[in-house]
Amino acid sequence: MLDIGLYTLYALLFIAVATAIIFPIINSLSNPSGLLKSAIGIGVILVLFGISYALSDSELTRGAIAAGLSESSVKLVGAGLIMLYIVFILAVLALVYSEISKALK
């Protein structure tokens, strides 16, 4: 019984992932201006990750060595955390800006 449920889960997950990939591609072919906006968004995310990666430290601590992490793994984890902080701060700033601009109208 458990095997049938897992196979059903895998099939539905595959369908959901395929749908999430295929339909935006079809939509972007019918609306090329939307593709440009998506490309700009992906570019901004890549730039933010590049900044985060440059700021992150690759120093191995005792805990990282005990966990079996390499220097590159530690650097990627640090970059992910720094990117999380940057995106969180930007979201808070956008929220504050939105509320202030609504209040001034």
Protein backbone atom coordinates (compact mmCIF):
# COMPACT_ATOMS: atom_id res chain seq x y z
CA MET A 1 0.00 0.00 0.00
CA LEU A 2 2.85 2.37 0.84
CA ASP A 3 4.52 1.75 -2.52
CA ILE A 4 1.39 2.72 -4.45
CA GLY A 5 1.11 5.96 -2.49
CA LEU A 6 4.75 6.81 -3.13
CA TYR A 7 4.48 6.09 -6.84
CA THR A 8 1.35 8.23 -7.02
CA LEU A 9 3.18 11.00 -5.18
CA TYR A 10 6.12 10.80 -7.60
CA ALA A 11 3.81 10.88 -10.62
CA LEU A 12 1.84 13.88 -9.32
CA LEU A 13 5.05 15.69 -8.37
CA PHE A 14 6.45 15.10 -11.86
CA ILE A 15 3.24 16.42 -13.44
CA ALA A 16 3.27 19.49 -11.19
CA VAL A 17 6.94 20.28 -11.92
CA ALA A 18 6.49 19.74 -15.65
CA THR A 19 3.42 21.99 -15.65
CA ALA A 20 5.23 24.65 -13.65
CA ILE A 21 8.04 24.65 -16.23
CA ILE A 22 6.12 24.19 -19.50
CA PHE A 23 3.21 26.64 -19.10
CA PRO A 24 5.35 29.71 -18.32
CA ILE A 25 7.47 28.92 -21.38
CA ILE A 26 4.36 28.71 -23.56
CA ASN A 27 3.04 31.95 -22.05
CA SER A 28 6.35 33.76 -22.59
CA LEU A 29 6.38 32.76 -26.26
CA SER A 30 2.97 34.35 -26.72
CA ASN A 31 3.98 37.45 -24.71
CA PRO A 32 7.68 38.32 -25.26
CA SER A 33 7.56 41.45 -23.06
CA GLY A 34 6.82 39.21 -20.08
CA LEU A 35 9.93 37.22 -20.91
CA LEU A 36 12.04 40.39 -20.64
CA LYS A 37 10.60 41.14 -17.19
CA SER A 38 11.37 37.59 -16.09
CA ALA A 39 14.92 37.85 -17.41
CA ILE A 40 15.45 41.10 -15.48
CA GLY A 41 14.16 39.45 -12.29
CA ILE A 42 16.44 36.46 -12.71
CA GLY A 43 19.35 38.80 -13.42
CA VAL A 44 18.69 40.75 -10.21
CA ILE A 45 18.60 37.51 -8.23
CA LEU A 46 21.88 36.37 -9.79
CA VAL A 47 23.53 39.72 -8.99
CA LEU A 48 22.31 39.51 -5.39
CA PHE A 49 23.70 35.99 -5.11
CA GLY A 50 27.02 37.13 -6.58
CA ILE A 51 27.24 39.89 -3.99
CA SER A 52 26.31 37.43 -1.24
CA TYR A 53 28.89 34.91 -2.44
CA ALA A 54 31.60 37.58 -2.52
CA LEU A 55 30.75 38.65 1.04
CA SER A 56 30.55 35.15 2.51
CA ASP A 57 33.40 33.56 4.43
CA SER A 58 34.74 30.07 3.75
CA GLU A 59 36.41 29.52 7.12
CA LEU A 60 35.95 26.00 8.44
CA THR A 61 34.83 25.79 12.06
CA ARG A 62 34.94 22.73 14.28
CA GLY A 63 31.22 22.23 13.77
CA ALA A 64 31.56 22.37 9.99
CA ILE A 65 34.41 19.88 10.04
CA ALA A 66 32.40 17.56 12.31
CA ALA A 67 29.48 17.79 9.89
CA GLY A 68 31.79 16.88 6.98
CA LEU A 69 31.41 20.19 5.14
CA SER A 70 34.03 21.45 2.72
CA GLU A 71 35.15 25.05 2.27
CA SER A 72 32.95 25.46 -0.82
CA SER A 73 29.91 24.12 1.05
CA VAL A 74 30.52 26.53 3.93
CA LYS A 75 30.89 29.42 1.45
CA LEU A 76 27.62 28.48 -0.31
CA VAL A 77 25.75 28.23 2.99
CA GLY A 78 27.14 31.60 4.04
CA ALA A 79 26.12 33.09 0.69
CA GLY A 80 22.61 31.73 1.11
CA LEU A 81 22.30 33.23 4.57
CA ILE A 82 23.60 36.61 3.45
CA MET A 83 21.22 36.58 0.49
CA LEU A 84 18.36 35.77 2.87
CA TYR A 85 19.28 38.78 5.00
CA ILE A 86 19.53 41.08 1.96
CA VAL A 87 16.18 39.97 0.53
CA PHE A 88 14.52 40.27 3.96
CA ILE A 89 15.80 43.82 4.41
CA LEU A 90 14.68 44.75 0.88
CA ALA A 91 11.21 43.31 1.56
CA VAL A 92 10.87 45.29 4.79
CA LEU A 93 12.01 48.47 3.02
CA ALA A 94 9.51 47.87 0.21
CA LEU A 95 6.75 47.36 2.76
CA VAL A 96 7.64 50.57 4.61
CA TYR A 97 7.87 52.51 1.33
CA SER A 98 4.50 51.17 0.23
CA GLU A 99 2.80 52.17 3.46
CA ILE A 100 4.36 55.64 3.51
CA SER A 101 3.46 56.31 -0.12
CA LYS A 102 -0.16 55.22 0.55
CA ALA A 103 -0.35 57.49 3.59
CA LEU A 104 0.89 60.51 1.64
CA LYS A 105 -1.68 60.16 -1.16
